[in-house]
C-alpha atoms as a PDB file:
ATOM      1  CA  MET A   1       0.103   0.002   0.137  1.00  0.00           C
ATOM      2  CA  ALA A   2       1.098   3.715  -0.839  1.00  0.00           C
ATOM      3  CA  SER A   3       0.729   4.753   2.783  1.00  0.00           C
ATOM      4  CA  GLU A   4       3.380   2.005   3.617  1.00  0.00           C
ATOM      5  CA  ASN A   5       5.801   2.664   0.743  1.00  0.00           C
ATOM      6  CA  THR A   6       6.922   6.170   0.892  1.00  0.00           C
ATOM      7  CA  PRO A   7       9.259   6.307  -2.313  1.00  0.00           C
ATOM      8  CA  THR A   8       5.900   4.965  -4.216  1.00  0.00           C
ATOM      9  CA  ALA A   9       3.615   7.730  -2.879  1.00  0.00           C
ATOM     10  CA  THR A  10       6.472  10.284  -3.473  1.00  0.00           C
ATOM     11  CA  LYS A  11       6.660   9.132  -6.822  1.00  0.00           C
ATOM     12  CA  ALA A  12       3.136   9.347  -7.419  1.00  0.00           C
ATOM     13  CA  TYR A  13       2.859  13.028  -5.824  1.00  0.00           C
ATOM     14  CA  LEU A  14       5.465  14.067  -8.509  1.00  0.00           C
ATOM     15  CA  LEU A  15       3.726  12.255 -11.494  1.00  0.00           C
ATOM     16  CA  LEU A  16       0.323  13.626 -10.495  1.00  0.00           C
ATOM     17  CA  SER A  17       1.642  17.014  -9.960  1.00  0.00           C
ATOM     18  CA  PHE A  18       3.623  17.185 -13.265  1.00  0.00           C
ATOM     19  CA  ALA A  19       0.406  15.862 -15.083  1.00  0.00           C
ATOM     20  CA  THR A  20      -1.752  18.763 -13.335  1.00  0.00           C
ATOM     21  CA  MET A  21       0.888  21.345 -14.614  1.00  0.00           C
ATOM     22  CA  CYS A  22       0.585  20.070 -17.964  1.00  0.00           C
ATOM     23  CA  TRP A  23      -3.122  20.564 -17.774  1.00  0.00           C
ATOM     24  CA  GLY A  24      -2.678  23.938 -16.273  1.00  0.00           C
ATOM     25  CA  ALA A  25      -0.553  24.823 -19.310  1.00  0.00           C
ATOM     26  CA  ASN A  26      -3.344  23.603 -21.507  1.00  0.00           C
ATOM     27  CA  THR A  27      -5.638  26.801 -20.154  1.00  0.00           C
ATOM     28  CA  VAL A  28      -2.945  29.092 -21.746  1.00  0.00           C
ATOM     29  CA  PHE A  29      -2.651  26.926 -25.040  1.00  0.00           C
ATOM     30  CA  GLY A  30      -6.235  26.951 -25.203  1.00  0.00           C
ATOM     31  CA  LYS A  31      -6.508  30.792 -25.122  1.00  0.00           C
ATOM     32  CA  LEU A  32      -3.464  30.818 -27.650  1.00  0.00           C
ATOM     33  CA  ALA A  33      -5.355  28.586 -29.851  1.00  0.00           C
ATOM     34  CA  VAL A  34      -8.482  31.027 -30.071  1.00  0.00           C
ATOM     35  CA  GLY A  35      -8.768  32.239 -33.816  1.00  0.00           C
ATOM     36  CA  GLU A  36      -6.017  30.009 -34.973  1.00  0.00           C
ATOM     37  CA  MET A  37      -8.235  26.746 -35.439  1.00  0.00           C
ATOM     38  CA  SER A  38     -11.671  25.522 -34.897  1.00  0.00           C
ATOM     39  CA  PRO A  39     -12.136  23.546 -31.409  1.00  0.00           C
ATOM     40  CA  MET A  40     -13.502  20.237 -32.460  1.00  0.00           C
ATOM     41  CA  PHE A  41     -10.907  19.893 -35.081  1.00  0.00           C
ATOM     42  CA  LEU A  42      -8.422  20.673 -32.209  1.00  0.00           C
ATOM     43  CA  VAL A  43      -9.762  17.808 -30.262  1.00  0.00           C
ATOM     44  CA  SER A  44      -9.365  15.501 -33.297  1.00  0.00           C
ATOM     45  CA  CYS A  45      -5.739  16.696 -33.784  1.00  0.00           C
ATOM     46  CA  ARG A  46      -4.537  16.072 -30.277  1.00  0.00           C
ATOM     47  CA  TRP A  47      -5.484  12.584 -29.841  1.00  0.00           C
ATOM     48  CA  LEU A  48      -4.452  11.834 -33.433  1.00  0.00           C
ATOM     49  CA  GLY A  49      -1.132  13.192 -32.558  1.00  0.00           C
ATOM     50  CA  SER A  50      -1.005  11.139 -29.336  1.00  0.00           C
ATOM     51  CA  LEU A  51      -1.935   8.013 -31.018  1.00  0.00           C
ATOM     52  CA  MET A  52       0.849   8.526 -33.460  1.00  0.00           C
ATOM     53  CA  LEU A  53       3.349   9.312 -30.733  1.00  0.00           C
ATOM     54  CA  MET A  54       2.334   6.254 -28.875  1.00  0.00           C
ATOM     55  CA  LEU A  55       2.639   4.038 -31.954  1.00  0.00           C
ATOM     56  CA  VAL A  56       6.241   5.347 -32.273  1.00  0.00           C
ATOM     57  CA  PHE A  57       7.109   5.128 -28.696  1.00  0.00           C
ATOM     58  CA  ALA A  58       5.212   2.559 -27.102  1.00  0.00           C
ATOM     59  CA  ASN A  59       4.886  -0.070 -30.191  1.00  0.00           C
ATOM     60  CA  SER A  60       6.745  -2.770 -28.025  1.00  0.00           C
ATOM     61  CA  HIS A  61       4.367  -2.089 -25.070  1.00  0.00           C
ATOM     62  CA  VAL A  62       1.077  -2.509 -27.209  1.00  0.00           C
ATOM     63  CA  ARG A  63       2.660  -5.660 -28.686  1.00  0.00           C
ATOM     64  CA  ARG A  64       3.483  -6.943 -25.471  1.00  0.00           C
ATOM     65  CA  ASP A  65      -0.010  -6.089 -23.866  1.00  0.00           C
ATOM     66  CA  TRP A  66      -2.219  -6.730 -26.795  1.00  0.00           C
ATOM     67  CA  GLY A  67      -3.207 -10.282 -25.927  1.00  0.00           C
ATOM     68  CA  VAL A  68      -4.995  -8.567 -22.632  1.00  0.00           C
ATOM     69  CA  LEU A  69      -6.005  -5.445 -24.353  1.00  0.00           C
ATOM     70  CA  SER A  70      -7.745  -7.156 -27.051  1.00  0.00           C
ATOM     71  CA  THR A  71     -10.076  -8.633 -24.625  1.00  0.00           C
ATOM     72  CA  LYS A  72     -10.670  -5.333 -22.905  1.00  0.00           C
ATOM     73  CA  LEU A  73     -11.426  -3.048 -25.988  1.00  0.00           C
ATOM     74  CA  VAL A  74     -14.853  -2.010 -24.894  1.00  0.00           C
ATOM     75  CA  TYR A  75     -13.514  -0.915 -21.348  1.00  0.00           C
ATOM     76  CA  ALA A  76     -10.855   1.001 -23.205  1.00  0.00           C
ATOM     77  CA  PHE A  77     -13.017   2.464 -25.736  1.00  0.00           C
ATOM     78  CA  CYS A  78     -15.524   3.688 -22.731  1.00  0.00           C
ATOM     79  CA  LEU A  79     -12.692   5.448 -20.957  1.00  0.00           C
ATOM     80  CA  GLY A  80     -11.221   7.116 -23.975  1.00  0.00           C
ATOM     81  CA  MET A  81     -14.760   8.258 -24.861  1.00  0.00           C
ATOM     82  CA  MET A  82     -15.391   9.645 -21.279  1.00  0.00           C
ATOM     83  CA  GLY A  83     -12.105  11.031 -19.846  1.00  0.00           C
ATOM     84  CA  PHE A  84     -10.483  12.352 -23.342  1.00  0.00           C
ATOM     85  CA  THR A  85     -12.964  13.017 -25.993  1.00  0.00           C
ATOM     86  CA  GLY A  86     -16.261  13.546 -24.085  1.00  0.00           C
ATOM     87  CA  PHE A  87     -14.672  15.780 -21.355  1.00  0.00           C
ATOM     88  CA  ASN A  88     -12.797  18.017 -24.129  1.00  0.00           C
ATOM     89  CA  VAL A  89     -15.778  18.156 -26.347  1.00  0.00           C
ATOM     90  CA  LEU A  90     -18.185  19.312 -23.711  1.00  0.00           C
ATOM     91  CA  PHE A  91     -15.755  21.597 -22.076  1.00  0.00           C
ATOM     92  CA  TYR A  92     -15.002  23.371 -25.302  1.00  0.00           C
ATOM     93  CA  THR A  93     -18.556  23.862 -26.244  1.00  0.00           C
ATOM     94  CA  ALA A  94     -19.439  24.896 -22.656  1.00  0.00           C
ATOM     95  CA  ALA A  95     -16.928  27.728 -23.130  1.00  0.00           C
ATOM     96  CA  TYR A  96     -19.193  29.441 -25.794  1.00  0.00           C
ATOM     97  CA  GLU A  97     -22.176  29.465 -23.445  1.00  0.00           C
ATOM     98  CA  THR A  98     -20.974  30.220 -20.008  1.00  0.00           C
ATOM     99  CA  THR A  99     -18.420  32.597 -18.191  1.00  0.00           C
ATOM    100  CA  ALA A 100     -14.844  31.437 -17.257  1.00  0.00           C
ATOM    101  CA  LEU A 101     -15.841  31.939 -13.542  1.00  0.00           C
ATOM    102  CA  ASN A 102     -18.564  29.271 -13.738  1.00  0.00           C
ATOM    103  CA  ILE A 103     -16.204  26.916 -15.326  1.00  0.00           C
ATOM    104  CA  GLY A 104     -13.589  27.427 -13.004  1.00  0.00           C
ATOM    105  CA  ILE A 105     -15.699  26.793 -10.049  1.00  0.00           C
ATOM    106  CA  ILE A 106     -17.432  23.899 -11.481  1.00  0.00           C
ATOM    107  CA  GLN A 107     -14.189  22.057 -12.391  1.00  0.00           C
ATOM    108  CA  GLY A 108     -13.564  21.770  -8.703  1.00  0.00           C
ATOM    109  CA  SER A 109     -16.407  19.326  -8.574  1.00  0.00           C
ATOM    110  CA  ILE A 110     -14.429  16.532 -10.218  1.00  0.00           C
ATOM    111  CA  PRO A 111     -12.913  15.132  -7.037  1.00  0.00           C
ATOM    112  CA  VAL A 112     -16.443  15.107  -5.512  1.00  0.00           C
ATOM    113  CA  PHE A 113     -17.438  12.909  -8.447  1.00  0.00           C
ATOM    114  CA  VAL A 114     -14.434  10.629  -7.962  1.00  0.00           C
ATOM    115  CA  LEU A 115     -15.586  10.285  -4.305  1.00  0.00           C
ATOM    116  CA  ILE A 116     -18.998   9.375  -5.190  1.00  0.00           C
ATOM    117  CA  GLY A 117     -18.248   7.097  -7.728  1.00  0.00           C
ATOM    118  CA  THR A 118     -15.803   5.058  -5.622  1.00  0.00           C
ATOM    119  CA  PHE A 119     -18.250   4.955  -2.620  1.00  0.00           C
ATOM    120  CA  LEU A 120     -21.009   3.781  -5.209  1.00  0.00           C
ATOM    121  CA  LEU A 121     -19.102   1.300  -6.802  1.00  0.00           C
ATOM    122  CA  TYR A 122     -16.507   0.078  -4.421  1.00  0.00           C
ATOM    123  CA  GLN A 123     -18.086   1.092  -1.022  1.00  0.00           C
ATOM    124  CA  THR A 124     -14.971   2.819  -0.522  1.00  0.00           C
ATOM    125  CA  ARG A 125     -15.235   4.603   3.074  1.00  0.00           C
ATOM    126  CA  VAL A 126     -14.170   8.315   3.196  1.00  0.00           C
ATOM    127  CA  ALA A 127     -12.572   9.731   6.320  1.00  0.00           C
ATOM    128  CA  PRO A 128     -14.154  13.202   7.598  1.00  0.00           C
ATOM    129  CA  LEU A 129     -10.670  14.752   7.252  1.00  0.00           C
ATOM    130  CA  GLN A 130     -10.794  13.816   3.388  1.00  0.00           C
ATOM    131  CA  PHE A 131     -14.175  15.500   2.894  1.00  0.00           C
ATOM    132  CA  VAL A 132     -12.377  18.777   4.723  1.00  0.00           C
ATOM    133  CA  GLY A 133      -9.509  18.385   2.429  1.00  0.00           C
ATOM    134  CA  VAL A 134     -11.781  18.212  -0.650  1.00  0.00           C
ATOM    135  CA  LEU A 135     -13.923  21.174   0.598  1.00  0.00           C
ATOM    136  CA  ALA A 136     -10.436  23.143   1.062  1.00  0.00           C
ATOM    137  CA  THR A 137      -9.319  22.580  -2.447  1.00  0.00           C
ATOM    138  CA  ILE A 138     -12.595  23.492  -3.910  1.00  0.00           C
ATOM    139  CA  THR A 139     -12.508  26.647  -1.905  1.00  0.00           C
ATOM    140  CA  GLY A 140      -9.032  27.318  -3.628  1.00  0.00           C
ATOM    141  CA  VAL A 141     -10.496  26.537  -6.912  1.00  0.00           C
ATOM    142  CA  ILE A 142     -13.348  29.045  -6.143  1.00  0.00           C
ATOM    143  CA  THR A 143     -10.861  31.668  -4.914  1.00  0.00           C
ATOM    144  CA  VAL A 144      -9.082  31.508  -8.198  1.00  0.00           C
ATOM    145  CA  ALA A 145     -12.230  31.725 -10.285  1.00  0.00           C
ATOM    146  CA  SER A 146     -13.658  34.629  -8.243  1.00  0.00           C
ATOM    147  CA  ARG A 147     -10.538  36.400  -7.898  1.00  0.00           C
ATOM    148  CA  GLY A 148     -11.023  36.625  -4.313  1.00  0.00           C
ATOM    149  CA  ASP A 149     -14.343  38.537  -4.695  1.00  0.00           C
ATOM    150  CA  PHE A 150     -16.724  35.795  -3.379  1.00  0.00           C
ATOM    151  CA  LEU A 151     -19.539  38.241  -3.710  1.00  0.00           C
ATOM    152  CA  GLN A 152     -19.333  37.585  -7.317  1.00  0.00           C
ATOM    153  CA  LEU A 153     -20.866  34.170  -6.510  1.00  0.00           C
ATOM    154  CA  ALA A 154     -24.366  35.519  -5.737  1.00  0.00           C
ATOM    155  CA  SER A 155     -24.549  36.651  -9.458  1.00  0.00           C
ATOM    156  CA  LEU A 156     -23.879  33.388 -11.128  1.00  0.00           C
ATOM    157  CA  ALA A 157     -26.662  31.936 -13.298  1.00  0.00           C
ATOM    158  CA  PHE A 158     -26.752  28.114 -13.862  1.00  0.00           C
ATOM    159  CA  ASN A 159     -27.143  27.951 -17.581  1.00  0.00           C
ATOM    160  CA  HIS A 160     -26.879  25.366 -20.412  1.00  0.00           C
ATOM    161  CA  GLY A 161     -23.017  26.000 -20.534  1.00  0.00           C
ATOM    162  CA  ASP A 162     -22.868  25.324 -16.852  1.00  0.00           C
ATOM    163  CA  LEU A 163     -24.613  21.885 -17.269  1.00  0.00           C
ATOM    164  CA  LEU A 164     -22.226  20.821 -19.979  1.00  0.00           C
ATOM    165  CA  VAL A 165     -19.285  21.613 -17.417  1.00  0.00           C
ATOM    166  CA  VAL A 166     -21.082  19.505 -14.729  1.00  0.00           C
ATOM    167  CA  MET A 167     -21.485  16.752 -17.311  1.00  0.00           C
ATOM    168  CA  ALA A 168     -17.930  17.043 -18.105  1.00  0.00           C
ATOM    169  CA  CYS A 169     -16.708  16.826 -14.922  1.00  0.00           C
ATOM    170  CA  SER A 170     -18.924  13.608 -14.350  1.00  0.00           C
ATOM    171  CA  LEU A 171     -17.255  12.213 -17.269  1.00  0.00           C
ATOM    172  CA  TYR A 172     -13.693  12.765 -16.189  1.00  0.00           C
ATOM    173  CA  GLY A 173     -14.606  11.565 -12.656  1.00  0.00           C
ATOM    174  CA  ALA A 174     -15.964   8.286 -14.107  1.00  0.00           C
ATOM    175  CA  TYR A 175     -12.754   8.007 -16.266  1.00  0.00           C
ATOM    176  CA  THR A 176     -10.578   8.371 -12.916  1.00  0.00           C
ATOM    177  CA  VAL A 177     -12.769   5.778 -11.053  1.00  0.00           C
ATOM    178  CA  GLY A 178     -12.878   3.398 -14.196  1.00  0.00           C
ATOM    179  CA  LEU A 179      -8.794   3.242 -14.134  1.00  0.00           C
ATOM    180  CA  ARG A 180      -9.022   1.432 -10.857  1.00  0.00           C
ATOM    181  CA  LYS A 181     -10.188  -1.436 -12.951  1.00  0.00           C
ATOM    182  CA  ARG A 182      -7.195  -1.372 -15.597  1.00  0.00           C
ATOM    183  CA  PRO A 183      -5.622  -4.822 -16.121  1.00  0.00           C
ATOM    184  CA  ALA A 184      -3.007  -5.324 -13.643  1.00  0.00           C
ATOM    185  CA  SER A 185      -0.576  -6.684 -16.071  1.00  0.00           C
ATOM    186  CA  VAL A 186      -1.229  -3.986 -18.754  1.00  0.00           C
ATOM    187  CA  SER A 187       1.361  -1.092 -18.799  1.00  0.00           C
ATOM    188  CA  ALA A 188       0.373   2.514 -18.577  1.00  0.00           C
ATOM    189  CA  LEU A 189       1.895   2.914 -22.191  1.00  0.00           C
ATOM    190  CA  GLY A 190      -0.024   0.065 -23.802  1.00  0.00           C
ATOM    191  CA  LEU A 191      -3.323   1.115 -22.155  1.00  0.00           C
ATOM    192  CA  PHE A 192      -3.123   4.715 -23.091  1.00  0.00           C
ATOM    193  CA  THR A 193      -2.287   3.751 -26.812  1.00  0.00           C
ATOM    194  CA  VAL A 194      -5.611   2.102 -27.218  1.00  0.00           C
ATOM    195  CA  LEU A 195      -7.267   5.146 -25.142  1.00  0.00           C
ATOM    196  CA  ALA A 196      -5.952   7.613 -27.276  1.00  0.00           C
ATOM    197  CA  GLY A 197      -7.140   5.537 -30.482  1.00  0.00           C
ATOM    198  CA  ALA A 198     -10.636   5.516 -29.030  1.00  0.00           C
ATOM    199  CA  ALA A 199     -10.681   9.096 -28.234  1.00  0.00           C
ATOM    200  CA  PHE A 200      -9.677   9.979 -31.905  1.00  0.00           C
ATOM    201  CA  ILE A 201     -12.193   7.687 -33.422  1.00  0.00           C
ATOM    202  CA  VAL A 202     -14.908   9.267 -31.070  1.00  0.00           C
ATOM    203  CA  SER A 203     -13.939  12.678 -31.938  1.00  0.00           C
ATOM    204  CA  LEU A 204     -14.280  12.431 -35.642  1.00  0.00           C
ATOM    205  CA  PRO A 205     -18.225  12.855 -35.754  1.00  0.00           C
ATOM    206  CA  PHE A 206     -17.770  15.999 -33.745  1.00  0.00           C
ATOM    207  CA  SER A 207     -15.259  17.294 -36.389  1.00  0.00           C
ATOM    208  CA  ILE A 208     -17.393  16.334 -39.278  1.00  0.00           C
ATOM    209  CA  LEU A 209     -20.339  17.947 -37.810  1.00  0.00           C
ATOM    210  CA  GLU A 210     -18.458  21.197 -37.120  1.00  0.00           C
ATOM    211  CA  TYR A 211     -17.450  21.358 -40.653  1.00  0.00           C
ATOM    212  CA  THR A 212     -21.030  20.397 -41.938  1.00  0.00           C
ATOM    213  CA  TYR A 213     -22.320  23.478 -40.149  1.00  0.00           C
ATOM    214  CA  GLY A 214     -19.767  25.783 -41.312  1.00  0.00           C
ATOM    215  CA  ARG A 215     -18.097  26.273 -38.152  1.00  0.00           C
ATOM    216  CA  PHE A 216     -14.618  24.747 -39.261  1.00  0.00           C
ATOM    217  CA  TYR A 217     -11.544  26.671 -40.276  1.00  0.00           C
ATOM    218  CA  TRP A 218      -8.192  25.273 -41.045  1.00  0.00           C
ATOM    219  CA  PRO A 219      -5.531  25.998 -38.573  1.00  0.00           C
ATOM    220  CA  THR A 220      -2.658  28.826 -39.106  1.00  0.00           C
ATOM    221  CA  THR A 221       0.911  28.064 -38.737  1.00  0.00           C
ATOM    222  CA  PHE A 222       0.804  29.277 -35.060  1.00  0.00           C
ATOM    223  CA  GLY A 223      -2.197  26.979 -34.763  1.00  0.00           C
ATOM    224  CA  TRP A 224      -0.420  23.974 -35.657  1.00  0.00           C
ATOM    225  CA  ILE A 225       2.517  24.839 -33.404  1.00  0.00           C
ATOM    226  CA  ILE A 226      -0.451  24.840 -30.409  1.00  0.00           C
ATOM    227  CA  VAL A 227      -1.535  21.586 -31.525  1.00  0.00           C
ATOM    228  CA  GLY A 228       1.916  20.337 -31.177  1.00  0.00           C
ATOM    229  CA  LEU A 229       2.460  21.440 -27.697  1.00  0.00           C
ATOM    230  CA  ILE A 230      -1.016  20.169 -26.760  1.00  0.00           C
ATOM    231  CA  THR A 231      -0.437  16.978 -28.076  1.00  0.00           C
ATOM    232  CA  PHE A 232       3.007  16.447 -26.348  1.00  0.00           C
ATOM    233  CA  PHE A 233       2.043  17.926 -22.956  1.00  0.00           C
ATOM    234  CA  PRO A 234      -1.520  17.554 -21.877  1.00  0.00           C
ATOM    235  CA  SER A 235      -2.413  15.042 -24.128  1.00  0.00           C
ATOM    236  CA  PHE A 236       0.671  12.754 -24.251  1.00  0.00           C
ATOM    237  CA  LEU A 237       2.760  13.233 -20.873  1.00  0.00           C
ATOM    238  CA  ALA A 238       0.138  14.199 -18.613  1.00  0.00           C
ATOM    239  CA  GLN A 239      -2.324  11.400 -19.279  1.00  0.00           C
ATOM    240  CA  ILE A 240       0.317   8.526 -18.901  1.00  0.00           C
ATOM    241  CA  PHE A 241       1.568  10.326 -15.633  1.00  0.00           C
ATOM    242  CA  PHE A 242      -1.882  10.562 -14.252  1.00  0.00           C
ATOM    243  CA  ILE A 243      -2.676   6.916 -15.237  1.00  0.00           C
ATOM    244  CA  GLN A 244       0.501   5.830 -13.190  1.00  0.00           C
ATOM    245  CA  GLY A 245      -0.354   7.937 -10.301  1.00  0.00           C
ATOM    246  CA  VAL A 246      -3.844   6.425 -10.067  1.00  0.00           C
ATOM    247  CA  GLU A 247      -2.428   3.228 -10.184  1.00  0.00           C
ATOM    248  CA  LYS A 248       0.004   3.843  -7.280  1.00  0.00           C
ATOM    249  CA  ILE A 249      -2.310   5.662  -4.830  1.00  0.00           C
ATOM    250  CA  GLY A 250      -5.950   5.216  -6.033  1.00  0.00           C
ATOM    251  CA  PRO A 251      -8.307   7.224  -7.689  1.00  0.00           C
ATOM    252  CA  ASN A 252      -9.885   9.103  -4.575  1.00  0.00           C
ATOM    253  CA  ARG A 253      -6.223  10.437  -3.576  1.00  0.00           C
ATOM    254  CA  ALA A 254      -5.292  10.926  -6.982  1.00  0.00           C
ATOM    255  CA  GLY A 255      -8.522  12.890  -7.817  1.00  0.00           C
ATOM    256  CA  VAL A 256      -7.617  15.915  -5.199  1.00  0.00           C
ATOM    257  CA  PHE A 257      -4.513  16.610  -7.305  1.00  0.00           C
ATOM    258  CA  ILE A 258      -6.743  17.830 -10.356  1.00  0.00           C
ATOM    259  CA  ASN A 259      -7.507  20.862  -8.036  1.00  0.00           C
ATOM    260  CA  LEU A 260      -3.929  22.123  -8.920  1.00  0.00           C
ATOM    261  CA  VAL A 261      -4.811  22.780 -12.415  1.00  0.00           C
ATOM    262  CA  PRO A 262      -6.229  26.124 -11.957  1.00  0.00           C
ATOM    263  CA  VAL A 263      -3.406  27.025  -9.679  1.00  0.00           C
ATOM    264  CA  PHE A 264      -0.794  26.133 -12.443  1.00  0.00           C
ATOM    265  CA  GLY A 265      -3.215  27.799 -14.820  1.00  0.00           C
ATOM    266  CA  ALA A 266      -2.820  31.078 -12.996  1.00  0.00           C
ATOM    267  CA  ALA A 267       0.971  30.780 -12.697  1.00  0.00           C
ATOM    268  CA  PHE A 268       1.303  30.076 -16.515  1.00  0.00           C
ATOM    269  CA  ALA A 269      -0.919  33.079 -17.151  1.00  0.00           C
ATOM    270  CA  VAL A 270       1.434  35.190 -14.936  1.00  0.00           C
ATOM    271  CA  ILE A 271       4.756  33.871 -16.742  1.00  0.00           C
ATOM    272  CA  ILE A 272       3.423  33.584 -20.413  1.00  0.00           C
ATOM    273  CA  LEU A 273       0.604  36.040 -20.557  1.00  0.00           C
ATOM    274  CA  GLY A 274       2.164  38.643 -18.492  1.00  0.00           C
ATOM    275  CA  GLU A 275      -0.865  38.568 -16.159  1.00  0.00           C
ATOM    276  CA  SER A 276      -0.297  40.041 -12.597  1.00  0.00           C
ATOM    277  CA  PHE A 277       0.163  37.728  -9.572  1.00  0.00           C
ATOM    278  CA  GLU A 278      -2.475  38.659  -6.744  1.00  0.00           C
ATOM    279  CA  TYR A 279      -3.013  38.006  -3.162  1.00  0.00           C
ATOM    280  CA  PHE A 280      -5.820  35.389  -4.204  1.00  0.00           C
ATOM    281  CA  HIS A 281      -3.532  33.416  -6.192  1.00  0.00           C
ATOM    282  CA  ALA A 282      -1.466  33.070  -3.028  1.00  0.00           C
ATOM    283  CA  ALA A 283      -4.396  32.228  -0.932  1.00  0.00           C
ATOM    284  CA  ALA A 284      -5.755  29.620  -3.523  1.00  0.00           C
ATOM    285  CA  LEU A 285      -2.360  27.934  -3.594  1.00  0.00           C
ATOM    286  CA  THR A 286      -2.316  27.644   0.253  1.00  0.00           C
ATOM    287  CA  LEU A 287      -5.735  26.234   0.189  1.00  0.00           C
ATOM    288  CA  VAL A 288      -5.219  23.846  -2.620  1.00  0.00           C
ATOM    289  CA  LEU A 289      -1.935  22.578  -1.113  1.00  0.00           C
ATOM    290  CA  GLY A 290      -3.348  22.289   2.432  1.00  0.00           C
ATOM    291  CA  GLY A 291      -6.679  20.264   1.028  1.00  0.00           C
ATOM    292  CA  ILE A 292      -4.340  17.766  -0.628  1.00  0.00           C
ATOM    293  CA  TRP A 293      -2.194  17.597   2.779  1.00  0.00           C
ATOM    294  CA  LEU A 294      -5.345  17.008   4.781  1.00  0.00           C
ATOM    295  CA  SER A 295      -6.910  14.636   2.249  1.00  0.00           C
ATOM    296  CA  GLU A 296      -3.810  12.352   2.540  1.00  0.00           C
ATOM    297  CA  HIS A 297      -3.357  12.492   6.395  1.00  0.00           C
ATOM    298  CA  GLY A 298      -7.152  11.735   6.687  1.00  0.00           C
ATOM    299  CA  LYS A 299      -7.213   8.745   4.064  1.00  0.00           C
ATOM    300  CA  ARG A 300      -8.542   5.396   5.068  1.00  0.00           C
ATOM    301  CA  GLU A 301      -6.982   2.594   3.408  1.00  0.00           C
END
């Protein structure tokens, strides 16, 4: 168990932190991609790129694991559909219909969906201190999203876009819980290759619909650069590291780390986009890291 193996837990924390850092960078990549390429085509390109990378670098893993993977294709297809394509399609669509403040707050619900999922499916008991930790991290997310002005929350309207974000978060929560059932003998690289393939296949109808309704536009040169960055960091490295982190410490504990995404996103916004670092960023960072610490020390194995 990870609690009895400090090196294993430490490695998991590093893997999960780097994964969430990549996803935080994706916030900046997404902003830079606006006007450079159409969103659904971006989803298809990122998973096609990831699949191509995996076929190059993980070919031996896929061949070795194929005997098991071939019997789990429905399982892998469902994970790729929920955690990769489904989440991204809903998330990008919601961005056109709701505010960034709403999206930032609602994304903090992912660990809650993970906790609910593990409780319903596996009867996993959750210690009171873990709930406190989740609440602390969610508060940190709200602090970032509201820029420290909690009075803004009173004016929020729960519209169609908000519902899409909730659906996206529930899909990613289900994906995280689903990783618990990954075949023990299958490597993370082999599994991710199949997941990326499933995500690409499922994304194609969305790109076709985007083209059919006249909303498609070809990427600019800068758009292709963004595709490369998104493919390699958020879609390739981050997903592999997250899979390995969940394997080492379980979905309940790994899910809390997702709350680091808006914190990293804020940091990269300062460094790359030149936005100023405010007091609420520091407060949010303290809350999120404190929440992770509380969840780790309040866990029940």
